[in-house]
Amino acid sequence: MHVRAMVEVAPGLEQWTVPQPTTDGQDTAAVAMSTEPALTLILPCYNEAERLPQTLAAYLAALPRRPGAVEVLVVDDGSTDATARVAKAAAAADERVRVLSYGPNRGKGFAVRTGMLAAQGELVVFTDADGSYSPSDLDRIVAALDQAPVAIGTRAGSASGPAARRAASRVFNLAIRGALGLPFGDTQSGLKGFRRAAAQQIFRRARVDGFAFDVEVLWLARQLRLEVTEVGVQAMERQGSKVQMMADALEMLGEVWTVRRIRTNPADGEVGPALTPSPEAALGAGAAPPLATAAGPAGAPPALQAS
């Protein structure tokens, strides 16, 4: 017999049901509440000491305070500013916040992958640490995960910001459609969510460390026959963007080509057994950079500093 426990993910959002298999052998329900949070929100960070406090404050104010309902996982991607100190101060003040820190900087894809493999929530969402997306957009992504295992934000007009950046984004999406056959209107939105099982399936196989990791993630989802739903979101332009349009666009196109080459190579192209068997392996087999040594919480790569 199965009892479904209702878990509120965020105020104003339809409750998400977590299946709780229970039985006492006599056809009566013995309710066992899960000790895992319903939602993990991942904030990958690189030199975000100035913008991270405001982003954390906005999300923490909107998310439930009930113990075990949510965790906010800050992944410090080898920052050279005070990001780690700011994040750890937030964790000390609010038990919903957890911090993973490593060095040197490896890229947004590496940070998101590390967070995904360390996340404890039944639903796992990542978003930008600069606060480009509002808590209401997070609500929409979480609600969509009730219908599909993967939900991605799609920005109005496929991009936000200056006209040149919007034009570059459109060109990039056209290149992706041609190279990998992805049908999505906005592959690079910084707001994507996954059911836990889907996140594990995808991110244990992912390899791209840079900004084009989103492309590989969506390609893997398609190859694994995981339904992907697109959700309309509104990205807010933030000052201090770390995206250098021309240089990063060229690098991202190179990464897309790498995805296409690797994933269509007979030796690597099939999506079968997990290519990355553990969170530790996500840190790079045989080529991992020196990492801080500190025991982390259960499910986190043990080489990471954890708070």
Protein backbone atom coordinates (compact mmCIF):
# COMPACT_ATOMS: atom_id res chain seq x y z
CA MET A 1 0.00 0.00 0.00
CA HIS A 2 1.26 3.52 -0.74
CA VAL A 3 0.53 6.67 1.19
CA ARG A 4 1.19 9.98 -0.55
CA ALA A 5 2.49 12.71 1.74
CA MET A 6 1.76 16.26 0.63
CA VAL A 7 4.84 18.50 0.68
CA GLU A 8 4.55 22.25 0.20
CA VAL A 9 7.49 23.43 -1.90
CA ALA A 10 6.89 27.17 -1.99
CA PRO A 11 4.13 29.57 -0.96
CA GLY A 12 1.39 29.89 -3.56
CA LEU A 13 2.51 26.78 -5.40
CA GLU A 14 0.38 23.69 -5.81
CA GLN A 15 1.57 21.07 -3.36
CA TRP A 16 3.88 18.45 -4.80
CA THR A 17 3.24 14.86 -3.77
CA VAL A 18 6.10 12.65 -2.66
CA PRO A 19 5.28 8.92 -2.86
CA GLN A 20 6.00 7.29 0.49
CA PRO A 21 5.84 3.47 0.18
CA THR A 22 4.68 2.14 3.53
CA THR A 23 2.99 -0.98 4.81
CA ASP A 24 2.71 -2.86 8.07
CA GLY A 25 1.83 -6.10 6.33
CA GLN A 26 -1.81 -5.92 7.45
CA ASP A 27 -3.20 -3.60 4.79
CA THR A 28 -3.01 -0.58 7.08
CA ALA A 29 -0.90 2.46 6.42
CA ALA A 30 2.24 3.01 8.47
CA VAL A 31 3.22 6.52 7.44
CA ALA A 32 6.98 7.09 7.13
CA MET A 33 7.89 10.69 6.40
CA SER A 34 10.92 11.24 4.20
CA THR A 35 13.94 12.86 5.85
CA GLU A 36 15.08 14.27 2.50
CA PRO A 37 14.07 17.80 1.48
CA ALA A 38 11.40 18.16 -1.17
CA LEU A 39 13.49 20.74 -3.05
CA THR A 40 17.16 21.55 -3.53
CA LEU A 41 17.90 24.94 -5.08
CA ILE A 42 21.46 25.11 -6.45
CA LEU A 43 23.26 28.44 -6.83
CA PRO A 44 26.55 28.01 -8.75
CA CYS A 45 28.85 30.91 -7.86
CA TYR A 46 32.05 32.41 -9.15
CA ASN A 47 33.08 35.72 -7.56
CA GLU A 48 29.53 36.58 -6.48
CA ALA A 49 30.28 38.04 -3.06
CA GLU A 50 28.44 41.28 -3.85
CA ARG A 51 25.29 39.83 -5.46
CA LEU A 52 24.88 36.54 -3.58
CA PRO A 53 23.49 38.01 -0.31
CA GLN A 54 20.58 39.70 -2.09
CA THR A 55 19.81 36.60 -4.13
CA LEU A 56 19.87 34.36 -1.07
CA ALA A 57 17.66 36.77 0.86
CA ALA A 58 15.05 36.84 -1.93
CA TYR A 59 14.82 33.06 -2.24
CA LEU A 60 15.00 32.31 1.47
CA ALA A 61 12.18 34.77 2.14
CA ALA A 62 9.97 32.97 -0.40
CA LEU A 63 10.85 29.37 0.49
CA PRO A 64 9.24 27.54 3.44
CA ARG A 65 11.09 27.54 6.75
CA ARG A 66 9.73 24.17 7.83
CA PRO A 67 12.66 21.85 8.68
CA GLY A 68 13.40 19.41 5.88
CA ALA A 69 11.27 21.15 3.26
CA VAL A 70 14.07 22.73 1.25
CA GLU A 71 17.83 23.14 1.00
CA VAL A 72 19.65 25.94 -0.79
CA LEU A 73 22.99 24.58 -1.99
CA VAL A 74 25.61 27.23 -2.78
CA VAL A 75 28.44 25.84 -4.93
CA ASP A 76 31.50 28.08 -4.81
CA ASP A 77 33.38 27.44 -8.06
CA GLY A 78 36.87 28.43 -6.94
CA SER A 79 36.03 32.09 -6.32
CA THR A 80 38.90 34.48 -5.64
CA ASP A 81 36.76 37.01 -3.79
CA ALA A 82 34.77 36.64 -0.55
CA THR A 83 32.05 34.41 -2.05
CA ALA A 84 32.89 31.42 0.16
CA ARG A 85 32.93 33.54 3.31
CA VAL A 86 29.62 35.20 2.43
CA ALA A 87 28.00 31.84 1.66
CA LYS A 88 29.24 30.26 4.88
CA ALA A 89 27.96 33.20 6.90
CA ALA A 90 24.54 32.65 5.33
CA ALA A 91 24.71 28.94 6.16
CA ALA A 92 25.57 29.74 9.77
CA ALA A 93 22.54 32.03 10.00
CA ASP A 94 20.04 29.77 8.21
CA GLU A 95 20.05 25.97 8.44
CA ARG A 96 18.42 25.71 5.01
CA VAL A 97 21.69 26.84 3.38
CA ARG A 98 24.53 24.43 2.61
CA VAL A 99 27.85 25.33 0.98
CA LEU A 100 30.25 23.36 -1.21
CA SER A 101 33.55 25.01 -2.07
CA TYR A 102 36.54 23.89 -4.16
CA GLY A 103 39.38 25.37 -6.19
CA PRO A 104 40.51 26.41 -8.65
CA ASN A 105 37.67 27.65 -10.84
CA ARG A 106 36.39 24.92 -13.20
CA GLY A 107 33.39 26.48 -14.94
CA LYS A 108 29.64 26.77 -14.49
CA GLY A 109 28.95 23.33 -15.91
CA PHE A 110 31.30 21.75 -13.38
CA ALA A 111 29.68 23.71 -10.53
CA VAL A 112 26.15 22.73 -11.54
CA ARG A 113 27.15 19.08 -11.99
CA THR A 114 28.81 19.04 -8.57
CA GLY A 115 25.67 20.50 -6.99
CA MET A 116 23.33 18.13 -8.81
CA LEU A 117 25.26 15.06 -7.65
CA ALA A 118 25.40 16.34 -4.07
CA ALA A 119 21.76 17.50 -3.88
CA GLN A 120 19.49 15.77 -1.40
CA GLY A 121 16.12 17.04 -2.65
CA GLU A 122 13.48 15.08 -4.52
CA LEU A 123 13.35 17.98 -6.95
CA VAL A 124 16.56 19.77 -7.94
CA VAL A 125 16.66 23.20 -9.59
CA PHE A 126 19.63 25.37 -10.47
CA THR A 127 19.55 29.08 -11.13
CA ASP A 128 21.92 32.02 -11.46
CA ALA A 129 23.44 33.46 -8.30
CA ASP A 130 22.98 37.01 -9.59
CA GLY A 131 19.23 36.82 -9.00
CA SER A 132 18.21 37.02 -12.66
CA TYR A 133 15.13 34.90 -11.98
CA SER A 134 12.47 35.59 -9.38
CA PRO A 135 11.06 33.15 -6.82
CA SER A 136 7.83 33.12 -8.86
CA ASP A 137 9.79 31.75 -11.84
CA LEU A 138 11.17 29.07 -9.53
CA ASP A 139 7.59 28.24 -8.53
CA ARG A 140 6.66 27.71 -12.19
CA ILE A 141 9.60 25.39 -12.81
CA VAL A 142 8.80 23.33 -9.70
CA ALA A 143 5.12 23.11 -10.67
CA ALA A 144 6.09 21.90 -14.16
CA LEU A 145 8.09 19.04 -12.63
CA ASP A 146 4.81 17.52 -11.55
CA GLN A 147 4.15 16.85 -15.25
CA ALA A 148 7.63 16.10 -16.65
CA PRO A 149 11.01 14.95 -15.26
CA VAL A 150 12.84 17.97 -16.74
CA ALA A 151 11.60 21.57 -16.87
CA ILE A 152 13.56 24.42 -18.44
CA GLY A 153 12.95 28.14 -18.39
CA THR A 154 12.36 29.82 -21.74
CA ARG A 155 12.89 33.57 -21.75
CA ALA A 156 10.54 35.83 -23.67
CA GLY A 157 12.03 36.29 -27.13
CA SER A 158 14.59 33.55 -26.33
CA ALA A 159 16.90 36.06 -24.63
CA SER A 160 17.10 39.16 -22.51
CA GLY A 161 19.46 42.10 -22.34
CA PRO A 162 21.02 44.27 -25.05
CA ALA A 163 20.08 43.76 -28.71
CA ALA A 164 23.54 42.44 -29.57
CA ARG A 165 23.29 39.77 -26.89
CA ARG A 166 19.82 38.77 -28.02
CA ALA A 167 21.05 38.46 -31.61
CA ALA A 168 24.02 36.35 -30.49
CA SER A 169 21.68 34.11 -28.49
CA ARG A 170 19.45 33.54 -31.52
CA VAL A 171 22.48 32.64 -33.66
CA PHE A 172 23.70 30.29 -30.95
CA ASN A 173 20.33 28.53 -30.72
CA LEU A 174 20.23 28.12 -34.51
CA ALA A 175 23.72 26.60 -34.41
CA ILE A 176 22.60 24.18 -31.70
CA ARG A 177 19.54 23.14 -33.69
CA GLY A 178 21.75 22.41 -36.68
CA ALA A 179 24.52 20.63 -34.78
CA LEU A 180 22.51 18.55 -32.31
CA GLY A 181 18.92 18.73 -33.47
CA LEU A 182 17.64 20.19 -30.20
CA PRO A 183 14.17 21.69 -30.70
CA PHE A 184 14.12 23.98 -27.66
CA GLY A 185 13.56 27.70 -28.04
CA ASP A 186 16.05 28.68 -25.31
CA THR A 187 18.80 26.27 -24.35
CA GLN A 188 20.81 28.76 -22.29
CA SER A 189 18.29 29.93 -19.73
CA GLY A 190 19.84 29.92 -16.27
CA LEU A 191 16.83 28.24 -14.66
CA LYS A 192 16.35 24.48 -15.09
CA GLY A 193 14.78 21.83 -12.89
CA PHE A 194 14.89 18.06 -12.62
CA ARG A 195 13.29 15.29 -10.67
CA ARG A 196 16.02 13.62 -8.63
CA ALA A 197 16.16 10.44 -10.72
CA ALA A 198 16.43 12.42 -13.95
CA ALA A 199 19.17 14.62 -12.49
CA GLN A 200 21.19 11.57 -11.51
CA GLN A 201 20.74 9.96 -14.92
CA ILE A 202 21.82 13.08 -16.77
CA PHE A 203 24.58 14.57 -14.63
CA ARG A 204 26.41 11.29 -14.00
CA ARG A 205 26.93 11.22 -17.76
CA ALA A 206 27.68 14.90 -18.34
CA ARG A 207 31.21 16.07 -19.18
CA VAL A 208 31.13 19.70 -20.35
CA ASP A 209 32.44 22.12 -17.71
CA GLY A 210 31.83 25.43 -19.51
CA PHE A 211 28.80 27.53 -20.40
CA ALA A 212 27.64 25.04 -23.07
CA PHE A 213 26.89 22.43 -20.41
CA ASP A 214 23.18 23.22 -20.83
CA VAL A 215 23.37 21.92 -24.40
CA GLU A 216 24.89 18.62 -23.32
CA VAL A 217 22.33 18.28 -20.52
CA LEU A 218 19.42 18.73 -22.93
CA TRP A 219 21.03 16.40 -25.48
CA LEU A 220 21.39 13.72 -22.79
CA ALA A 221 17.79 14.20 -21.67
CA ARG A 222 16.62 13.61 -25.25
CA GLN A 223 18.83 10.54 -25.66
CA LEU A 224 17.52 9.14 -22.38
CA ARG A 225 13.97 9.76 -23.65
CA LEU A 226 13.18 12.04 -20.72
CA GLU A 227 10.35 14.45 -21.39
CA VAL A 228 11.46 18.09 -21.28
CA THR A 229 8.86 20.80 -20.77
CA GLU A 230 9.50 24.48 -21.47
CA VAL A 231 8.25 27.09 -19.02
CA GLY A 232 7.97 30.80 -19.78
CA VAL A 233 10.16 32.87 -17.45
CA GLN A 234 11.29 36.49 -17.30
CA ALA A 235 15.02 37.07 -16.86
CA MET A 236 16.01 40.38 -15.29
CA GLU A 237 19.11 42.09 -16.65
CA ARG A 238 21.82 42.31 -13.98
CA GLN A 239 24.88 44.52 -13.89
CA GLY A 240 28.25 42.81 -13.71
CA SER A 241 27.54 39.91 -16.06
CA LYS A 242 30.55 37.61 -16.48
CA VAL A 243 29.55 36.66 -20.02
CA GLN A 244 31.93 38.11 -22.61
CA MET A 245 29.75 37.87 -25.66
CA MET A 246 32.16 37.19 -28.52
CA ALA A 247 34.79 35.18 -26.65
CA ASP A 248 32.25 33.09 -24.74
CA ALA A 249 30.08 32.54 -27.84
CA LEU A 250 33.07 31.13 -29.73
CA GLU A 251 34.05 28.97 -26.76
CA MET A 252 30.48 27.71 -26.37
CA LEU A 253 30.23 26.83 -30.06
CA GLY A 254 33.48 24.90 -29.69
CA GLU A 255 32.01 23.02 -26.73
CA VAL A 256 28.85 22.26 -28.70
CA TRP A 257 31.00 20.81 -31.48
CA THR A 258 32.83 18.73 -28.86
CA VAL A 259 29.49 17.42 -27.59
CA ARG A 260 28.49 16.52 -31.14
CA ARG A 261 31.82 14.80 -31.85
CA ILE A 262 32.00 12.86 -28.58
CA ARG A 263 28.35 11.91 -28.49
CA THR A 264 28.31 10.65 -32.07
CA ASN A 265 31.57 8.72 -31.74
CA PRO A 266 30.79 4.98 -31.72
CA ALA A 267 33.01 4.54 -28.70
CA ASP A 268 31.27 7.22 -26.62
CA GLY A 269 28.05 8.11 -28.32
CA GLU A 270 25.65 5.58 -26.81
CA VAL A 271 23.82 6.58 -23.67
CA GLY A 272 24.06 3.41 -21.67
CA PRO A 273 25.96 2.84 -18.43
CA ALA A 274 26.74 5.95 -16.46
CA LEU A 275 29.91 7.62 -17.72
CA THR A 276 30.51 9.21 -14.31
CA PRO A 277 29.82 6.57 -11.64
CA SER A 278 29.97 8.79 -8.56
CA PRO A 279 29.97 12.40 -7.37
CA GLU A 280 33.69 12.07 -6.71
CA ALA A 281 34.28 11.11 -10.34
CA ALA A 282 32.45 14.25 -11.44
CA LEU A 283 35.47 16.15 -10.17
CA GLY A 284 37.51 14.72 -13.05
CA ALA A 285 39.07 11.28 -13.14
CA GLY A 286 42.85 11.45 -13.33
CA ALA A 287 42.90 15.17 -14.04
CA ALA A 288 41.26 16.73 -11.02
CA PRO A 289 42.73 19.97 -9.73
CA PRO A 290 43.96 20.26 -6.15
CA LEU A 291 40.89 20.47 -3.93
CA ALA A 292 40.33 21.58 -0.38
CA THR A 293 40.17 18.63 1.98
CA ALA A 294 37.29 18.63 4.41
CA ALA A 295 34.64 16.09 5.22
CA GLY A 296 31.36 16.96 3.54
CA PRO A 297 27.77 15.93 4.32
CA ALA A 298 26.31 12.69 3.05
CA GLY A 299 25.94 12.70 -0.72
CA ALA A 300 28.53 15.43 -1.30
CA PRO A 301 31.92 14.90 -2.91
CA PRO A 302 34.17 14.36 0.14
CA ALA A 303 36.98 16.44 -1.37
CA LEU A 304 34.84 19.56 -1.15
CA GLN A 305 34.70 21.98 1.72
CA ALA A 306 31.18 21.81 3.13
CA SER A 307 29.24 23.99 5.50
